[in-house]
Amino acid sequence: DSLRALQAGRSPVEGHRFGTAPGGRVTVRVLPHDPVD
C-alpha cells in the first residue's frame, strides 16, 4: 500500500487521521484504518 501511494505521487500517510498529544506532538492514527480493522 505504501509503495502504491508513492508510485501515484502520494504520501504513504495519506488517508490516515492526524491528531495531537501532550507536549505539542503530532499523532498519526494507524488503527483502525479501514472497515475491516
PDB file of all heavy atoms in Angstrom:
ATOM      1  N   ASP A   1       0.824  -1.210   0.000  1.00  0.00           N
ATOM      2  CA  ASP A   1       0.000   0.000   0.000  1.00  0.00           C
ATOM      3  C   ASP A   1       0.858   1.259   0.000  1.00  0.00           C
ATOM      4  O   ASP A   1       0.554   2.234  -0.710  1.00  0.00           O
ATOM      5  CB  ASP A   1      -0.918   0.015   1.226  1.00  0.00           C
ATOM      6  CG  ASP A   1      -2.070  -0.980   1.108  1.00  0.00           C
ATOM      7  OD1 ASP A   1      -2.338  -1.451  -0.015  1.00  0.00           O
ATOM      8  OD2 ASP A   1      -2.695  -1.277   2.147  1.00  0.00           O
ATOM      9  N   SER A   2       1.936   1.257   0.779  1.00  0.00           N
ATOM     10  CA  SER A   2       2.798   2.432   0.836  1.00  0.00           C
ATOM     11  C   SER A   2       3.498   2.677  -0.498  1.00  0.00           C
ATOM     12  O   SER A   2       3.601   3.815  -0.967  1.00  0.00           O
ATOM     13  CB  SER A   2       3.839   2.271   1.956  1.00  0.00           C
ATOM     14  OG  SER A   2       3.219   2.353   3.228  1.00  0.00           O
ATOM     15  N   LEU A   3       3.975   1.603  -1.124  1.00  0.00           N
ATOM     16  CA  LEU A   3       4.627   1.764  -2.422  1.00  0.00           C
ATOM     17  C   LEU A   3       3.631   2.207  -3.483  1.00  0.00           C
ATOM     18  O   LEU A   3       3.967   2.992  -4.381  1.00  0.00           O
ATOM     19  CB  LEU A   3       5.304   0.465  -2.844  1.00  0.00           C
ATOM     20  CG  LEU A   3       6.481  -0.018  -1.987  1.00  0.00           C
ATOM     21  CD1 LEU A   3       7.206  -1.159  -2.678  1.00  0.00           C
ATOM     22  CD2 LEU A   3       7.457   1.105  -1.678  1.00  0.00           C
ATOM     23  N   ARG A   4       2.405   1.721  -3.393  1.00  0.00           N
ATOM     24  CA  ARG A   4       1.365   2.142  -4.339  1.00  0.00           C
ATOM     25  C   ARG A   4       1.113   3.645  -4.208  1.00  0.00           C
ATOM     26  O   ARG A   4       0.964   4.356  -5.215  1.00  0.00           O
ATOM     27  CB  ARG A   4       0.076   1.359  -4.092  1.00  0.00           C
ATOM     28  CG  ARG A   4      -1.028   1.692  -5.095  1.00  0.00           C
ATOM     29  CD  ARG A   4      -2.314   0.936  -4.781  1.00  0.00           C
ATOM     30  NE  ARG A   4      -2.168  -0.502  -5.031  1.00  0.00           N
ATOM     31  CZ  ARG A   4      -2.181  -1.430  -4.091  1.00  0.00           C
ATOM     32  NH1 ARG A   4      -2.322  -1.068  -2.807  1.00  0.00           N
ATOM     33  NH2 ARG A   4      -2.052  -2.700  -4.399  1.00  0.00           N
ATOM     34  N   ALA A   5       1.073   4.140  -2.975  1.00  0.00           N
ATOM     35  CA  ALA A   5       0.872   5.570  -2.758  1.00  0.00           C
ATOM     36  C   ALA A   5       2.038   6.377  -3.326  1.00  0.00           C
ATOM     37  O   ALA A   5       1.837   7.390  -4.017  1.00  0.00           O
ATOM     38  CB  ALA A   5       0.708   5.855  -1.265  1.00  0.00           C
ATOM     39  N   LEU A   6       3.267   5.937  -3.061  1.00  0.00           N
ATOM     40  CA  LEU A   6       4.442   6.654  -3.576  1.00  0.00           C
ATOM     41  C   LEU A   6       4.466   6.640  -5.095  1.00  0.00           C
ATOM     42  O   LEU A   6       4.809   7.640  -5.741  1.00  0.00           O
ATOM     43  CB  LEU A   6       5.715   6.022  -3.015  1.00  0.00           C
ATOM     44  CG  LEU A   6       5.964   6.216  -1.516  1.00  0.00           C
ATOM     45  CD1 LEU A   6       7.127   5.343  -1.058  1.00  0.00           C
ATOM     46  CD2 LEU A   6       6.243   7.680  -1.201  1.00  0.00           C
ATOM     47  N   GLN A   7       4.094   5.511  -5.677  1.00  0.00           N
ATOM     48  CA  GLN A   7       4.071   5.400  -7.141  1.00  0.00           C
ATOM     49  C   GLN A   7       3.079   6.401  -7.748  1.00  0.00           C
ATOM     50  O   GLN A   7       3.319   6.950  -8.837  1.00  0.00           O
ATOM     51  CB  GLN A   7       3.679   3.975  -7.534  1.00  0.00           C
ATOM     52  CG  GLN A   7       3.720   3.700  -9.032  1.00  0.00           C
ATOM     53  CD  GLN A   7       3.249   2.280  -9.340  1.00  0.00           C
ATOM     54  OE1 GLN A   7       3.256   1.411  -8.471  1.00  0.00           O
ATOM     55  NE2 GLN A   7       2.840   2.052 -10.573  1.00  0.00           N
ATOM     56  N   ALA A   8       1.987   6.656  -7.021  1.00  0.00           N
ATOM     57  CA  ALA A   8       0.970   7.599  -7.507  1.00  0.00           C
ATOM     58  C   ALA A   8       1.296   9.040  -7.131  1.00  0.00           C
ATOM     59  O   ALA A   8       0.481   9.941  -7.382  1.00  0.00           O
ATOM     60  CB  ALA A   8      -0.391   7.212  -6.950  1.00  0.00           C
ATOM     61  N   GLY A   9       2.450   9.254  -6.510  1.00  0.00           N
ATOM     62  CA  GLY A   9       2.836  10.612  -6.132  1.00  0.00           C
ATOM     63  C   GLY A   9       2.222  11.075  -4.825  1.00  0.00           C
ATOM     64  O   GLY A   9       2.231  12.276  -4.520  1.00  0.00           O
ATOM     65  N   ARG A  10       1.690  10.140  -4.043  1.00  0.00           N
ATOM     66  CA  ARG A  10       1.078  10.488  -2.770  1.00  0.00           C
ATOM     67  C   ARG A  10       1.972  10.066  -1.606  1.00  0.00           C
ATOM     68  O   ARG A  10       2.850   9.225  -1.748  1.00  0.00           O
ATOM     69  CB  ARG A  10      -0.284   9.788  -2.632  1.00  0.00           C
ATOM     70  CG  ARG A  10      -1.311  10.235  -3.663  1.00  0.00           C
ATOM     71  CD  ARG A  10      -2.649   9.530  -3.470  1.00  0.00           C
ATOM     72  NE  ARG A  10      -2.632   8.144  -3.980  1.00  0.00           N
ATOM     73  CZ  ARG A  10      -2.648   7.082  -3.232  1.00  0.00           C
ATOM     74  NH1 ARG A  10      -2.637   7.201  -1.896  1.00  0.00           N
ATOM     75  NH2 ARG A  10      -2.636   5.864  -3.751  1.00  0.00           N
ATOM     76  N   SER A  11       1.721  10.640  -0.439  1.00  0.00           N
ATOM     77  CA  SER A  11       2.423  10.231   0.772  1.00  0.00           C
ATOM     78  C   SER A  11       1.798   8.941   1.303  1.00  0.00           C
ATOM     79  O   SER A  11       0.579   8.760   1.226  1.00  0.00           O
ATOM     80  CB  SER A  11       2.318  11.321   1.840  1.00  0.00           C
ATOM     81  OG  SER A  11       2.829  10.847   3.087  1.00  0.00           O
ATOM     82  N   PRO A  12       2.595   8.036   1.876  1.00  0.00           N
ATOM     83  CA  PRO A  12       2.020   6.821   2.465  1.00  0.00           C
ATOM     84  C   PRO A  12       1.015   7.098   3.575  1.00  0.00           C
ATOM     85  O   PRO A  12       0.176   6.244   3.864  1.00  0.00           O
ATOM     86  CB  PRO A  12       3.255   6.082   3.010  1.00  0.00           C
ATOM     87  CG  PRO A  12       4.389   6.571   2.175  1.00  0.00           C
ATOM     88  CD  PRO A  12       4.072   8.005   1.878  1.00  0.00           C
ATOM     89  N   VAL A  13       1.089   8.278   4.200  1.00  0.00           N
ATOM     90  CA  VAL A  13       0.179   8.572   5.309  1.00  0.00           C
ATOM     91  C   VAL A  13      -1.123   9.213   4.833  1.00  0.00           C
ATOM     92  O   VAL A  13      -2.000   9.509   5.652  1.00  0.00           O
ATOM     93  CB  VAL A  13       0.843   9.481   6.366  1.00  0.00           C
ATOM     94  CG1 VAL A  13       2.044   8.796   6.977  1.00  0.00           C
ATOM     95  CG2 VAL A  13       1.236  10.824   5.765  1.00  0.00           C
ATOM     96  N   GLU A  14      -1.255   9.408   3.528  1.00  0.00           N
ATOM     97  CA  GLU A  14      -2.496   9.997   3.032  1.00  0.00           C
ATOM     98  C   GLU A  14      -3.668   9.077   3.363  1.00  0.00           C
ATOM     99  O   GLU A  14      -3.616   7.865   3.170  1.00  0.00           O
ATOM    100  CB  GLU A  14      -2.419  10.211   1.523  1.00  0.00           C
ATOM    101  CG  GLU A  14      -3.579  11.029   0.964  1.00  0.00           C
ATOM    102  CD  GLU A  14      -3.334  11.493  -0.458  1.00  0.00           C
ATOM    103  OE1 GLU A  14      -2.191  11.930  -0.735  1.00  0.00           O
ATOM    104  OE2 GLU A  14      -4.255  11.410  -1.272  1.00  0.00           O
ATOM    105  N   GLY A  15      -4.751   9.668   3.881  1.00  0.00           N
ATOM    106  CA  GLY A  15      -5.913   8.894   4.291  1.00  0.00           C
ATOM    107  C   GLY A  15      -5.902   8.523   5.757  1.00  0.00           C
ATOM    108  O   GLY A  15      -6.918   8.062   6.290  1.00  0.00           O
ATOM    109  N   HIS A  16      -4.769   8.719   6.437  1.00  0.00           N
ATOM    110  CA  HIS A  16      -4.687   8.463   7.871  1.00  0.00           C
ATOM    111  C   HIS A  16      -5.037   9.736   8.639  1.00  0.00           C
ATOM    112  O   HIS A  16      -4.696  10.838   8.224  1.00  0.00           O
ATOM    113  CB  HIS A  16      -3.289   7.983   8.258  1.00  0.00           C
ATOM    114  CG  HIS A  16      -3.000   6.575   7.825  1.00  0.00           C
ATOM    115  ND1 HIS A  16      -3.162   5.493   8.647  1.00  0.00           N
ATOM    116  CD2 HIS A  16      -2.575   6.083   6.638  1.00  0.00           C
ATOM    117  CE1 HIS A  16      -2.843   4.387   7.996  1.00  0.00           C
ATOM    118  NE2 HIS A  16      -2.479   4.724   6.770  1.00  0.00           N
ATOM    119  N   ARG A  17      -5.694   9.543   9.762  1.00  0.00           N
ATOM    120  CA  ARG A  17      -6.138  10.682  10.558  1.00  0.00           C
ATOM    121  C   ARG A  17      -5.006  11.192  11.430  1.00  0.00           C
ATOM    122  O   ARG A  17      -4.307  10.411  12.089  1.00  0.00           O
ATOM    123  CB  ARG A  17      -7.318  10.272  11.437  1.00  0.00           C
ATOM    124  CG  ARG A  17      -8.090  11.440  12.011  1.00  0.00           C
ATOM    125  CD  ARG A  17      -9.324  10.937  12.735  1.00  0.00           C
ATOM    126  NE  ARG A  17      -9.042  10.659  14.137  1.00  0.00           N
ATOM    127  CZ  ARG A  17      -9.853   9.979  14.938  1.00  0.00           C
ATOM    128  NH1 ARG A  17     -10.961   9.466  14.445  1.00  0.00           N
ATOM    129  NH2 ARG A  17      -9.551   9.789  16.195  1.00  0.00           N
ATOM    130  N   PHE A  18      -4.835  12.502  11.438  1.00  0.00           N
ATOM    131  CA  PHE A  18      -3.827  13.128  12.291  1.00  0.00           C
ATOM    132  C   PHE A  18      -4.495  13.683  13.549  1.00  0.00           C
ATOM    133  O   PHE A  18      -5.667  14.049  13.543  1.00  0.00           O
ATOM    134  CB  PHE A  18      -3.106  14.252  11.543  1.00  0.00           C
ATOM    135  CG  PHE A  18      -2.073  13.773  10.572  1.00  0.00           C
ATOM    136  CD1 PHE A  18      -2.445  13.256   9.338  1.00  0.00           C
ATOM    137  CD2 PHE A  18      -0.725  13.815  10.883  1.00  0.00           C
ATOM    138  CE1 PHE A  18      -1.504  12.799   8.426  1.00  0.00           C
ATOM    139  CE2 PHE A  18       0.225  13.361   9.982  1.00  0.00           C
ATOM    140  CZ  PHE A  18      -0.162  12.852   8.752  1.00  0.00           C
ATOM    141  N   GLY A  19      -3.724  13.747  14.621  1.00  0.00           N
ATOM    142  CA  GLY A  19      -4.216  14.305  15.870  1.00  0.00           C
ATOM    143  C   GLY A  19      -3.082  14.946  16.635  1.00  0.00           C
ATOM    144  O   GLY A  19      -1.995  15.190  16.089  1.00  0.00           O
ATOM    145  N   THR A  20      -3.315  15.209  17.917  1.00  0.00           N
ATOM    146  CA  THR A  20      -2.292  15.823  18.760  1.00  0.00           C
ATOM    147  C   THR A  20      -2.179  15.066  20.072  1.00  0.00           C
ATOM    148  O   THR A  20      -3.115  14.378  20.511  1.00  0.00           O
ATOM    149  CB  THR A  20      -2.617  17.297  19.055  1.00  0.00           C
ATOM    150  OG1 THR A  20      -3.891  17.371  19.714  1.00  0.00           O
ATOM    151  CG2 THR A  20      -2.655  18.115  17.774  1.00  0.00           C
ATOM    152  N   ALA A  21      -1.030  15.197  20.721  1.00  0.00           N
ATOM    153  CA  ALA A  21      -0.762  14.591  22.013  1.00  0.00           C
ATOM    154  C   ALA A  21      -0.045  15.615  22.880  1.00  0.00           C
ATOM    155  O   ALA A  21       0.471  16.622  22.359  1.00  0.00           O
ATOM    156  CB  ALA A  21       0.079  13.325  21.848  1.00  0.00           C
ATOM    157  N   PRO A  22       0.009  15.400  24.190  1.00  0.00           N
ATOM    158  CA  PRO A  22       0.681  16.367  25.067  1.00  0.00           C
ATOM    159  C   PRO A  22       2.097  16.673  24.609  1.00  0.00           C
ATOM    160  O   PRO A  22       2.782  15.837  24.020  1.00  0.00           O
ATOM    161  CB  PRO A  22       0.681  15.647  26.426  1.00  0.00           C
ATOM    162  CG  PRO A  22      -0.514  14.759  26.379  1.00  0.00           C
ATOM    163  CD  PRO A  22      -0.602  14.288  24.950  1.00  0.00           C
ATOM    164  N   GLY A  23       2.520  17.893  24.883  1.00  0.00           N
ATOM    165  CA  GLY A  23       3.859  18.316  24.502  1.00  0.00           C
ATOM    166  C   GLY A  23       3.945  18.833  23.085  1.00  0.00           C
ATOM    167  O   GLY A  23       5.047  18.928  22.536  1.00  0.00           O
ATOM    168  N   GLY A  24       2.809  19.175  22.470  1.00  0.00           N
ATOM    169  CA  GLY A  24       2.817  19.693  21.109  1.00  0.00           C
ATOM    170  C   GLY A  24       3.149  18.647  20.071  1.00  0.00           C
ATOM    171  O   GLY A  24       3.650  18.979  18.991  1.00  0.00           O
ATOM    172  N   ARG A  25       2.871  17.389  20.360  1.00  0.00           N
ATOM    173  CA  ARG A  25       3.192  16.311  19.428  1.00  0.00           C
ATOM    174  C   ARG A  25       2.070  16.103  18.412  1.00  0.00           C
ATOM    175  O   ARG A  25       0.888  16.182  18.759  1.00  0.00           O
ATOM    176  CB  ARG A  25       3.436  15.008  20.180  1.00  0.00           C
ATOM    177  CG  ARG A  25       4.687  15.000  21.062  1.00  0.00           C
ATOM    178  CD  ARG A  25       4.710  13.748  21.912  1.00  0.00           C
ATOM    179  NE  ARG A  25       5.968  13.577  22.635  1.00  0.00           N
ATOM    180  CZ  ARG A  25       6.210  14.092  23.837  1.00  0.00           C
ATOM    181  NH1 ARG A  25       5.281  14.827  24.435  1.00  0.00           N
ATOM    182  NH2 ARG A  25       7.366  13.891  24.434  1.00  0.00           N
ATOM    183  N   VAL A  26       2.466  15.771  17.197  1.00  0.00           N
ATOM    184  CA  VAL A  26       1.527  15.352  16.159  1.00  0.00           C
ATOM    185  C   VAL A  26       1.416  13.839  16.214  1.00  0.00           C
ATOM    186  O   VAL A  26       2.422  13.138  16.413  1.00  0.00           O
ATOM    187  CB  VAL A  26       2.021  15.822  14.774  1.00  0.00           C
ATOM    188  CG1 VAL A  26       1.273  15.115  13.646  1.00  0.00           C
ATOM    189  CG2 VAL A  26       1.859  17.322  14.638  1.00  0.00           C
ATOM    190  N   THR A  27       0.201  13.309  16.036  1.00  0.00           N
ATOM    191  CA  THR A  27      -0.005  11.870  16.033  1.00  0.00           C
ATOM    192  C   THR A  27      -0.615  11.414  14.711  1.00  0.00           C
ATOM    193  O   THR A  27      -1.298  12.188  14.036  1.00  0.00           O
ATOM    194  CB  THR A  27      -0.934  11.434  17.187  1.00  0.00           C
ATOM    195  OG1 THR A  27      -2.243  11.982  16.973  1.00  0.00           O
ATOM    196  CG2 THR A  27      -0.397  11.906  18.524  1.00  0.00           C
ATOM    197  N   VAL A  28      -0.345  10.161  14.360  1.00  0.00           N
ATOM    198  CA  VAL A  28      -0.915   9.546  13.165  1.00  0.00           C
ATOM    199  C   VAL A  28      -1.700   8.316  13.607  1.00  0.00           C
ATOM    200  O   VAL A  28      -1.143   7.400  14.227  1.00  0.00           O
ATOM    201  CB  VAL A  28       0.181   9.130  12.159  1.00  0.00           C
ATOM    202  CG1 VAL A  28      -0.459   8.577  10.883  1.00  0.00           C
ATOM    203  CG2 VAL A  28       1.116  10.286  11.848  1.00  0.00           C
ATOM    204  N   ARG A  29      -2.991   8.263  13.295  1.00  0.00           N
ATOM    205  CA  ARG A  29      -3.835   7.124  13.655  1.00  0.00           C
ATOM    206  C   ARG A  29      -3.571   5.996  12.646  1.00  0.00           C
ATOM    207  O   ARG A  29      -3.841   6.136  11.469  1.00  0.00           O
ATOM    208  CB  ARG A  29      -5.298   7.550  13.638  1.00  0.00           C
ATOM    209  CG  ARG A  29      -6.343   6.469  13.845  1.00  0.00           C
ATOM    210  CD  ARG A  29      -6.277   5.793  15.208  1.00  0.00           C
ATOM    211  NE  ARG A  29      -6.351   6.684  16.343  1.00  0.00           N
ATOM    212  CZ  ARG A  29      -7.466   7.075  16.962  1.00  0.00           C
ATOM    213  NH1 ARG A  29      -8.641   6.643  16.508  1.00  0.00           N
ATOM    214  NH2 ARG A  29      -7.420   7.864  18.020  1.00  0.00           N
ATOM    215  N   VAL A  30      -3.038   4.880  13.149  1.00  0.00           N
ATOM    216  CA  VAL A  30      -2.727   3.745  12.276  1.00  0.00           C
ATOM    217  C   VAL A  30      -3.673   2.566  12.496  1.00  0.00           C
ATOM    218  O   VAL A  30      -3.623   1.592  11.749  1.00  0.00           O
ATOM    219  CB  VAL A  30      -1.259   3.301  12.447  1.00  0.00           C
ATOM    220  CG1 VAL A  30      -0.308   4.408  12.035  1.00  0.00           C
ATOM    221  CG2 VAL A  30      -0.960   2.863  13.886  1.00  0.00           C
ATOM    222  N   LEU A  31      -4.518   2.649  13.523  1.00  0.00           N
ATOM    223  CA  LEU A  31      -5.548   1.639  13.761  1.00  0.00           C
ATOM    224  C   LEU A  31      -6.708   2.307  14.493  1.00  0.00           C
ATOM    225  O   LEU A  31      -6.469   2.993  15.490  1.00  0.00           O
ATOM    226  CB  LEU A  31      -4.996   0.499  14.613  1.00  0.00           C
ATOM    227  CG  LEU A  31      -5.978  -0.644  14.910  1.00  0.00           C
ATOM    228  CD1 LEU A  31      -6.085  -1.577  13.719  1.00  0.00           C
ATOM    229  CD2 LEU A  31      -5.555  -1.414  16.156  1.00  0.00           C
ATOM    230  N   PRO A  32      -7.954   2.133  13.983  1.00  0.00           N
ATOM    231  CA  PRO A  32      -8.318   1.450  12.735  1.00  0.00           C
ATOM    232  C   PRO A  32      -8.060   2.339  11.532  1.00  0.00           C
ATOM    233  O   PRO A  32      -8.050   3.567  11.640  1.00  0.00           O
ATOM    234  CB  PRO A  32      -9.813   1.193  12.914  1.00  0.00           C
ATOM    235  CG  PRO A  32     -10.272   2.340  13.770  1.00  0.00           C
ATOM    236  CD  PRO A  32      -9.141   2.620  14.718  1.00  0.00           C
ATOM    237  N   HIS A  33      -7.863   1.699  10.392  1.00  0.00           N
ATOM    238  CA  HIS A  33      -7.626   2.445   9.160  1.00  0.00           C
ATOM    239  C   HIS A  33      -8.687   2.156   8.101  1.00  0.00           C
ATOM    240  O   HIS A  33      -8.937   2.969   7.232  1.00  0.00           O
ATOM    241  CB  HIS A  33      -6.241   2.130   8.610  1.00  0.00           C
ATOM    242  CG  HIS A  33      -5.916   2.865   7.342  1.00  0.00           C
ATOM    243  ND1 HIS A  33      -5.969   4.242   7.255  1.00  0.00           N
ATOM    244  CD2 HIS A  33      -5.545   2.414   6.106  1.00  0.00           C
ATOM    245  CE1 HIS A  33      -5.643   4.617   6.024  1.00  0.00           C
ATOM    246  NE2 HIS A  33      -5.390   3.530   5.309  1.00  0.00           N
ATOM    247  N   ASP A  34      -9.294   0.978   8.167  1.00  0.00           N
ATOM    248  CA  ASP A  34     -10.316   0.625   7.178  1.00  0.00           C
ATOM    249  C   ASP A  34     -11.433  -0.141   7.886  1.00  0.00           C
ATOM    250  O   ASP A  34     -11.323  -0.482   9.068  1.00  0.00           O
ATOM    251  CB  ASP A  34      -9.714  -0.192   6.031  1.00  0.00           C
ATOM    252  CG  ASP A  34      -9.001  -1.443   6.520  1.00  0.00           C
ATOM    253  OD1 ASP A  34      -9.508  -2.082   7.477  1.00  0.00           O
ATOM    254  OD2 ASP A  34      -7.959  -1.796   5.956  1.00  0.00           O
ATOM    255  N   PRO A  35     -12.546  -0.396   7.192  1.00  0.00           N
ATOM    256  CA  PRO A  35     -13.680  -1.076   7.838  1.00  0.00           C
ATOM    257  C   PRO A  35     -13.333  -2.438   8.422  1.00  0.00           C
ATOM    258  O   PRO A  35     -13.902  -2.843   9.442  1.00  0.00           O
ATOM    259  CB  PRO A  35     -14.697  -1.203   6.696  1.00  0.00           C
ATOM    260  CG  PRO A  35     -14.365  -0.089   5.753  1.00  0.00           C
ATOM    261  CD  PRO A  35     -12.879   0.048   5.814  1.00  0.00           C
ATOM    262  N   VAL A  36     -12.407  -3.158   7.800  1.00  0.00           N
ATOM    263  CA  VAL A  36     -12.034  -4.477   8.320  1.00  0.00           C
ATOM    264  C   VAL A  36     -11.408  -4.352   9.699  1.00  0.00           C
ATOM    265  O   VAL A  36     -11.670  -5.157  10.599  1.00  0.00           O
ATOM    266  CB  VAL A  36     -11.092  -5.195   7.335  1.00  0.00           C
ATOM    267  CG1 VAL A  36     -10.540  -6.468   7.961  1.00  0.00           C
ATOM    268  CG2 VAL A  36     -11.818  -5.510   6.037  1.00  0.00           C
ATOM    269  N   ASP A  37     -10.556  -3.334   9.905  1.00  0.00           N
ATOM    270  CA  ASP A  37      -9.958  -3.112  11.218  1.00  0.00           C
ATOM    271  C   ASP A  37     -11.024  -2.976  12.295  1.00  0.00           C
ATOM    272  O   ASP A  37     -10.865  -3.450  13.427  1.00  0.00           O
ATOM    273  CB  ASP A  37      -9.104  -1.845  11.210  1.00  0.00           C
ATOM    274  CG  ASP A  37      -7.815  -1.991  10.418  1.00  0.00           C
ATOM    275  OD1 ASP A  37      -7.402  -3.135  10.181  1.00  0.00           O
ATOM    276  OD2 ASP A  37      -7.232  -0.958  10.037  1.00  0.00           O
TER     277      ASP A  37
END
